[in-house]
PDB file of N, CA and C in Angstrom:
ATOM      1  N   MET A   1       8.271  32.628  60.326  1.00  0.00           N
ATOM      2  CA  MET A   1       7.103  33.444  60.633  1.00  0.00           C
ATOM      3  C   MET A   1       7.075  34.617  59.656  1.00  0.00           C
ATOM      4  N   ASN A   2       5.922  34.860  59.062  1.00  0.00           N
ATOM      5  CA  ASN A   2       5.863  35.957  58.096  1.00  0.00           C
ATOM      6  C   ASN A   2       5.788  37.319  58.792  1.00  0.00           C
ATOM      7  N   LEU A   3       6.027  38.373  58.035  1.00  0.00           N
ATOM      8  CA  LEU A   3       6.093  39.727  58.604  1.00  0.00           C
ATOM      9  C   LEU A   3       4.770  40.180  59.197  1.00  0.00           C
ATOM     10  N   LEU A   4       3.645  39.811  58.572  1.00  0.00           N
ATOM     11  CA  LEU A   4       2.341  40.213  59.093  1.00  0.00           C
ATOM     12  C   LEU A   4       2.115  39.620  60.476  1.00  0.00           C
ATOM     13  N   ARG A   5       2.423  38.361  60.640  1.00  0.00           N
ATOM     14  CA  ARG A   5       2.242  37.713  61.940  1.00  0.00           C
ATOM     15  C   ARG A   5       3.161  38.344  62.983  1.00  0.00           C
ATOM     16  N   GLN A   6       4.387  38.688  62.611  1.00  0.00           N
ATOM     17  CA  GLN A   6       5.304  39.345  63.538  1.00  0.00           C
ATOM     18  C   GLN A   6       4.743  40.687  63.982  1.00  0.00           C
ATOM     19  N   ALA A   7       4.140  41.422  63.047  1.00  0.00           N
ATOM     20  CA  ALA A   7       3.550  42.729  63.384  1.00  0.00           C
ATOM     21  C   ALA A   7       2.379  42.554  64.336  1.00  0.00           C
ATOM     22  N   GLU A   8       1.562  41.530  64.116  1.00  0.00           N
ATOM     23  CA  GLU A   8       0.425  41.286  65.001  1.00  0.00           C
ATOM     24  C   GLU A   8       0.899  40.981  66.412  1.00  0.00           C
ATOM     25  N   LEU A   9       1.956  40.193  66.538  1.00  0.00           N
ATOM     26  CA  LEU A   9       2.457  39.836  67.855  1.00  0.00           C
ATOM     27  C   LEU A   9       3.098  41.015  68.569  1.00  0.00           C
ATOM     28  N   SER A  10       3.660  41.956  67.834  1.00  0.00           N
ATOM     29  CA  SER A  10       4.327  43.087  68.464  1.00  0.00           C
ATOM     30  C   SER A  10       3.355  44.187  68.879  1.00  0.00           C
ATOM     31  N   MET A  11       2.102  44.135  68.443  1.00  0.00           N
ATOM     32  CA  MET A  11       1.112  45.152  68.822  1.00  0.00           C
ATOM     33  C   MET A  11       0.487  44.764  70.157  1.00  0.00           C
ATOM     34  N   LYS A  12       0.967  45.362  71.223  1.00  0.00           N
ATOM     35  CA  LYS A  12       0.446  45.059  72.554  1.00  0.00           C
ATOM     36  C   LYS A  12      -0.433  46.201  73.018  1.00  0.00           C
ATOM     37  N   GLY A  13      -1.374  45.873  73.891  1.00  0.00           N
ATOM     38  CA  GLY A  13      -2.201  46.889  74.488  1.00  0.00           C
ATOM     39  C   GLY A  13      -3.242  47.474  73.559  1.00  0.00           C
ATOM     40  N   ARG A  14      -3.776  46.671  72.665  1.00  0.00           N
ATOM     41  CA  ARG A  14      -4.824  47.127  71.747  1.00  0.00           C
ATOM     42  C   ARG A  14      -6.144  46.465  72.111  1.00  0.00           C
ATOM     43  N   LYS A  15      -7.210  47.195  71.911  1.00  0.00           N
ATOM     44  CA  LYS A  15      -8.552  46.670  72.166  1.00  0.00           C
ATOM     45  C   LYS A  15      -9.425  47.029  70.981  1.00  0.00           C
ATOM     46  N   ARG A  16     -10.289  46.112  70.623  1.00  0.00           N
ATOM     47  CA  ARG A  16     -11.203  46.339  69.499  1.00  0.00           C
ATOM     48  C   ARG A  16     -12.630  46.420  70.022  1.00  0.00           C
ATOM     49  N   HIS A  17     -13.354  47.409  69.566  1.00  0.00           N
ATOM     50  CA  HIS A  17     -14.783  47.523  69.859  1.00  0.00           C
ATOM     51  C   HIS A  17     -15.526  47.483  68.533  1.00  0.00           C
ATOM     52  N   SER A  18     -16.605  46.737  68.507  1.00  0.00           N
ATOM     53  CA  SER A  18     -17.405  46.669  67.290  1.00  0.00           C
ATOM     54  C   SER A  18     -18.870  46.836  67.649  1.00  0.00           C
ATOM     55  N   VAL A  19     -19.622  47.373  66.696  1.00  0.00           N
ATOM     56  CA  VAL A  19     -21.072  47.513  66.824  1.00  0.00           C
ATOM     57  C   VAL A  19     -21.681  46.695  65.696  1.00  0.00           C
ATOM     58  N   VAL A  20     -22.557  45.772  66.061  1.00  0.00           N
ATOM     59  CA  VAL A  20     -23.228  44.930  65.075  1.00  0.00           C
ATOM     60  C   VAL A  20     -24.735  45.025  65.278  1.00  0.00           C
ATOM     61  N   ASP A  21     -25.487  44.683  64.227  1.00  0.00           N
ATOM     62  CA  ASP A  21     -26.933  44.633  64.380  1.00  0.00           C
ATOM     63  C   ASP A  21     -27.334  43.263  64.917  1.00  0.00           C
ATOM     64  N   ARG A  22     -28.634  43.028  65.055  1.00  0.00           N
ATOM     65  CA  ARG A  22     -29.110  41.770  65.632  1.00  0.00           C
ATOM     66  C   ARG A  22     -28.743  40.548  64.804  1.00  0.00           C
ATOM     67  N   GLN A  23     -28.463  40.749  63.538  1.00  0.00           N
ATOM     68  CA  GLN A  23     -28.100  39.630  62.671  1.00  0.00           C
ATOM     69  C   GLN A  23     -26.585  39.440  62.599  1.00  0.00           C
ATOM     70  N   GLY A  24     -25.839  40.272  63.301  1.00  0.00           N
ATOM     71  CA  GLY A  24     -24.391  40.144  63.330  1.00  0.00           C
ATOM     72  C   GLY A  24     -23.665  40.920  62.244  1.00  0.00           C
ATOM     73  N   ASN A  25     -24.390  41.732  61.486  1.00  0.00           N
ATOM     74  CA  ASN A  25     -23.751  42.545  60.451  1.00  0.00           C
ATOM     75  C   ASN A  25     -22.956  43.675  61.101  1.00  0.00           C
ATOM     76  N   LEU A  26     -21.728  43.845  60.670  1.00  0.00           N
ATOM     77  CA  LEU A  26     -20.843  44.861  61.234  1.00  0.00           C
ATOM     78  C   LEU A  26     -21.302  46.253  60.817  1.00  0.00           C
ATOM     79  N   LEU A  27     -21.523  47.123  61.812  1.00  0.00           N
ATOM     80  CA  LEU A  27     -21.929  48.498  61.544  1.00  0.00           C
ATOM     81  C   LEU A  27     -20.774  49.475  61.764  1.00  0.00           C
ATOM     82  N   HIS A  28     -19.970  49.215  62.789  1.00  0.00           N
ATOM     83  CA  HIS A  28     -18.874  50.135  63.115  1.00  0.00           C
ATOM     84  C   HIS A  28     -17.826  49.375  63.920  1.00  0.00           C
ATOM     85  N   ILE A  29     -16.558  49.709  63.711  1.00  0.00           N
ATOM     86  CA  ILE A  29     -15.471  49.072  64.461  1.00  0.00           C
ATOM     87  C   ILE A  29     -14.349  50.077  64.653  1.00  0.00           C
ATOM     88  N   THR A  30     -13.625  49.932  65.753  1.00  0.00           N
ATOM     89  CA  THR A  30     -12.460  50.770  66.002  1.00  0.00           C
ATOM     90  C   THR A  30     -11.439  50.002  66.836  1.00  0.00           C
ATOM     91  N   VAL A  31     -10.183  50.381  66.706  1.00  0.00           N
ATOM     92  CA  VAL A  31      -9.083  49.812  67.491  1.00  0.00           C
ATOM     93  C   VAL A  31      -8.435  50.965  68.241  1.00  0.00           C
ATOM     94  N   HIS A  32      -8.168  50.775  69.521  1.00  0.00           N
ATOM     95  CA  HIS A  32      -7.608  51.856  70.329  1.00  0.00           C
ATOM     96  C   HIS A  32      -6.733  51.276  71.430  1.00  0.00           C
ATOM     97  N   LYS A  33      -6.149  52.143  72.236  1.00  0.00           N
ATOM     98  CA  LYS A  33      -5.309  51.708  73.358  1.00  0.00           C
ATOM     99  C   LYS A  33      -6.157  50.923  74.349  1.00  0.00           C
ATOM    100  N   ALA A  34      -5.578  49.910  74.943  1.00  0.00           N
ATOM    101  CA  ALA A  34      -6.303  49.068  75.891  1.00  0.00           C
ATOM    102  C   ALA A  34      -6.687  49.816  77.159  1.00  0.00           C
ATOM    103  N   ASN A  35      -5.944  50.834  77.528  1.00  0.00           N
ATOM    104  CA  ASN A  35      -6.246  51.557  78.768  1.00  0.00           C
ATOM    105  C   ASN A  35      -7.188  52.741  78.548  1.00  0.00           C
ATOM    106  N   ASP A  36      -7.822  52.828  77.399  1.00  0.00           N
ATOM    107  CA  ASP A  36      -8.781  53.901  77.098  1.00  0.00           C
ATOM    108  C   ASP A  36     -10.159  53.467  77.579  1.00  0.00           C
ATOM    109  N   THR A  37     -10.543  53.917  78.778  1.00  0.00           N
ATOM    110  CA  THR A  37     -11.767  53.419  79.403  1.00  0.00           C
ATOM    111  C   THR A  37     -13.051  53.968  78.785  1.00  0.00           C
ATOM    112  N   GLY A  38     -13.001  55.086  78.114  1.00  0.00           N
ATOM    113  CA  GLY A  38     -14.209  55.667  77.538  1.00  0.00           C
ATOM    114  C   GLY A  38     -14.452  55.280  76.094  1.00  0.00           C
ATOM    115  N   ALA A  39     -13.626  54.420  75.546  1.00  0.00           N
ATOM    116  CA  ALA A  39     -13.719  54.100  74.121  1.00  0.00           C
ATOM    117  C   ALA A  39     -15.015  53.381  73.752  1.00  0.00           C
ATOM    118  N   GLY A  40     -15.516  52.525  74.617  1.00  0.00           N
ATOM    119  CA  GLY A  40     -16.744  51.797  74.310  1.00  0.00           C
ATOM    120  C   GLY A  40     -17.912  52.737  74.058  1.00  0.00           C
ATOM    121  N   CYS A  41     -18.033  53.755  74.879  1.00  0.00           N
ATOM    122  CA  CYS A  41     -19.111  54.735  74.698  1.00  0.00           C
ATOM    123  C   CYS A  41     -18.904  55.556  73.431  1.00  0.00           C
ATOM    124  N   ARG A  42     -17.666  55.934  73.155  1.00  0.00           N
ATOM    125  CA  ARG A  42     -17.399  56.715  71.946  1.00  0.00           C
ATOM    126  C   ARG A  42     -17.713  55.921  70.686  1.00  0.00           C
ATOM    127  N   VAL A  43     -17.391  54.639  70.689  1.00  0.00           N
ATOM    128  CA  VAL A  43     -17.680  53.797  69.522  1.00  0.00           C
ATOM    129  C   VAL A  43     -19.187  53.725  69.290  1.00  0.00           C
ATOM    130  N   PHE A  44     -19.942  53.534  70.356  1.00  0.00           N
ATOM    131  CA  PHE A  44     -21.393  53.474  70.211  1.00  0.00           C
ATOM    132  C   PHE A  44     -21.944  54.829  69.777  1.00  0.00           C
ATOM    133  N   GLU A  45     -21.405  55.909  70.303  1.00  0.00           N
ATOM    134  CA  GLU A  45     -21.856  57.249  69.914  1.00  0.00           C
ATOM    135  C   GLU A  45     -21.618  57.483  68.416  1.00  0.00           C
ATOM    136  N   GLU A  46     -20.460  57.071  67.910  1.00  0.00           N
ATOM    137  CA  GLU A  46     -20.177  57.199  66.479  1.00  0.00           C
ATOM    138  C   GLU A  46     -21.157  56.365  65.657  1.00  0.00           C
ATOM    139  N   ALA A  47     -21.478  55.170  66.147  1.00  0.00           N
ATOM    140  CA  ALA A  47     -22.426  54.308  65.433  1.00  0.00           C
ATOM    141  C   ALA A  47     -23.828  54.916  65.424  1.00  0.00           C
ATOM    142  N   VAL A  48     -24.220  55.542  66.530  1.00  0.00           N
ATOM    143  CA  VAL A  48     -25.545  56.186  66.598  1.00  0.00           C
ATOM    144  C   VAL A  48     -25.623  57.350  65.616  1.00  0.00           C
ATOM    145  N   GLN A  49     -24.507  58.058  65.433  1.00  0.00           N
ATOM    146  CA  GLN A  49     -24.493  59.153  64.466  1.00  0.00           C
ATOM    147  C   GLN A  49     -24.664  58.624  63.045  1.00  0.00           C
ATOM    148  N   LYS A  50     -24.043  57.491  62.739  1.00  0.00           N
ATOM    149  CA  LYS A  50     -24.178  56.895  61.409  1.00  0.00           C
ATOM    150  C   LYS A  50     -25.531  56.236  61.206  1.00  0.00           C
ATOM    151  N   TYR A  51     -26.030  55.593  62.263  1.00  0.00           N
ATOM    152  CA  TYR A  51     -27.280  54.828  62.203  1.00  0.00           C
ATOM    153  C   TYR A  51     -28.204  55.302  63.319  1.00  0.00           C
ATOM    154  N   PRO A  52     -28.949  56.392  63.093  1.00  0.00           N
ATOM    155  CA  PRO A  52     -29.782  56.964  64.161  1.00  0.00           C
ATOM    156  C   PRO A  52     -30.905  56.042  64.634  1.00  0.00           C
ATOM    157  N   ALA A  53     -31.198  54.980  63.905  1.00  0.00           N
ATOM    158  CA  ALA A  53     -32.265  54.064  64.310  1.00  0.00           C
ATOM    159  C   ALA A  53     -31.828  53.117  65.431  1.00  0.00           C
ATOM    160  N   LEU A  54     -30.542  53.113  65.786  1.00  0.00           N
ATOM    161  CA  LEU A  54     -30.077  52.264  66.888  1.00  0.00           C
ATOM    162  C   LEU A  54     -30.765  52.695  68.171  1.00  0.00           C
ATOM    163  N   LYS A  55     -31.276  51.711  68.917  1.00  0.00           N
ATOM    164  CA  LYS A  55     -32.043  52.048  70.113  1.00  0.00           C
ATOM    165  C   LYS A  55     -31.511  51.432  71.390  1.00  0.00           C
ATOM    166  N   GLY A  56     -30.590  50.489  71.308  1.00  0.00           N
ATOM    167  CA  GLY A  56     -30.106  49.838  72.515  1.00  0.00           C
ATOM    168  C   GLY A  56     -28.697  49.338  72.343  1.00  0.00           C
ATOM    169  N   VAL A  57     -28.166  48.837  73.448  1.00  0.00           N
ATOM    170  CA  VAL A  57     -26.800  48.331  73.422  1.00  0.00           C
ATOM    171  C   VAL A  57     -26.701  47.142  74.367  1.00  0.00           C
ATOM    172  N   CYS A  58     -25.956  46.149  73.966  1.00  0.00           N
ATOM    173  CA  CYS A  58     -25.569  45.035  74.831  1.00  0.00           C
ATOM    174  C   CYS A  58     -24.063  45.114  74.966  1.00  0.00           C
ATOM    175  N   ALA A  59     -23.586  45.237  76.186  1.00  0.00           N
ATOM    176  CA  ALA A  59     -22.150  45.416  76.398  1.00  0.00           C
ATOM    177  C   ALA A  59     -21.682  44.487  77.512  1.00  0.00           C
ATOM    178  N   ASP A  60     -20.387  44.278  77.564  1.00  0.00           N
ATOM    179  CA  ASP A  60     -19.761  43.492  78.608  1.00  0.00           C
ATOM    180  C   ASP A  60     -20.043  44.137  79.964  1.00  0.00           C
ATOM    181  N   ALA A  61     -20.073  43.338  81.014  1.00  0.00           N
ATOM    182  CA  ALA A  61     -20.372  43.848  82.360  1.00  0.00           C
ATOM    183  C   ALA A  61     -19.391  44.934  82.805  1.00  0.00           C
ATOM    184  N   GLY A  62     -18.178  44.918  82.277  1.00  0.00           N
ATOM    185  CA  GLY A  62     -17.198  45.940  82.634  1.00  0.00           C
ATOM    186  C   GLY A  62     -17.589  47.331  82.182  1.00  0.00           C
ATOM    187  N   TYR A  63     -18.511  47.427  81.236  1.00  0.00           N
ATOM    188  CA  TYR A  63     -18.953  48.725  80.723  1.00  0.00           C
ATOM    189  C   TYR A  63     -20.306  49.134  81.285  1.00  0.00           C
ATOM    190  N   ARG A  64     -20.809  48.425  82.265  1.00  0.00           N
ATOM    191  CA  ARG A  64     -22.162  48.667  82.744  1.00  0.00           C
ATOM    192  C   ARG A  64     -22.396  50.121  83.167  1.00  0.00           C
ATOM    193  N   ASN A  65     -21.607  50.616  84.085  1.00  0.00           N
ATOM    194  CA  ASN A  65     -21.818  51.990  84.567  1.00  0.00           C
ATOM    195  C   ASN A  65     -21.593  53.034  83.482  1.00  0.00           C
ATOM    196  N   PRO A  66     -20.473  52.980  82.737  1.00  0.00           N
ATOM    197  CA  PRO A  66     -20.299  54.003  81.695  1.00  0.00           C
ATOM    198  C   PRO A  66     -21.381  53.941  80.624  1.00  0.00           C
ATOM    199  N   MET A  67     -21.822  52.737  80.247  1.00  0.00           N
ATOM    200  CA  MET A  67     -22.857  52.632  79.222  1.00  0.00           C
ATOM    201  C   MET A  67     -24.212  53.106  79.724  1.00  0.00           C
ATOM    202  N   GLU A  68     -24.538  52.813  80.991  1.00  0.00           N
ATOM    203  CA  GLU A  68     -25.799  53.307  81.548  1.00  0.00           C
ATOM    204  C   GLU A  68     -25.815  54.838  81.566  1.00  0.00           C
ATOM    205  N   GLU A  69     -24.709  55.430  81.993  1.00  0.00           N
ATOM    206  CA  GLU A  69     -24.621  56.896  81.997  1.00  0.00           C
ATOM    207  C   GLU A  69     -24.719  57.448  80.589  1.00  0.00           C
ATOM    208  N   PHE A  70     -24.058  56.783  79.648  1.00  0.00           N
ATOM    209  CA  PHE A  70     -24.101  57.230  78.250  1.00  0.00           C
ATOM    210  C   PHE A  70     -25.522  57.150  77.687  1.00  0.00           C
ATOM    211  N   GLU A  71     -26.194  56.015  77.922  1.00  0.00           N
ATOM    212  CA  GLU A  71     -27.557  55.863  77.414  1.00  0.00           C
ATOM    213  C   GLU A  71     -28.492  56.914  78.000  1.00  0.00           C
ATOM    214  N   ASN A  72     -28.347  57.191  79.279  1.00  0.00           N
ATOM    215  CA  ASN A  72     -29.188  58.206  79.917  1.00  0.00           C
ATOM    216  C   ASN A  72     -28.922  59.587  79.336  1.00  0.00           C
ATOM    217  N   SER A  73     -27.687  59.847  78.935  1.00  0.00           N
ATOM    218  CA  SER A  73     -27.348  61.174  78.406  1.00  0.00           C
ATOM    219  C   SER A  73     -27.869  61.392  77.002  1.00  0.00           C
ATOM    220  N   ILE A  74     -28.111  60.329  76.221  1.00  0.00           N
ATOM    221  CA  ILE A  74     -28.577  60.516  74.849  1.00  0.00           C
ATOM    222  C   ILE A  74     -30.091  60.435  74.716  1.00  0.00           C
ATOM    223  N   GLU A  75     -30.778  60.083  75.785  1.00  0.00           N
ATOM    224  CA  GLU A  75     -32.240  59.985  75.703  1.00  0.00           C
ATOM    225  C   GLU A  75     -32.904  61.330  75.760  1.00  0.00           C
TER     226      GLU A  75
END
């Protein structure tokens, strides 16, 4: 097993959030601790700062309440 693969296996508790446009082009991505519950909103907030034309979000059902609160706060 090569060293890169060993490093990937030893990294536990990581979560990746990405923001893409409708065509799937990557706009923003971040990696953080898996137990960081507010990270999804922060990633989208950073993307909105870079791309102010963003108007909506599609997120996993687990982020429904935090994302709804976040969207209401930026309107």
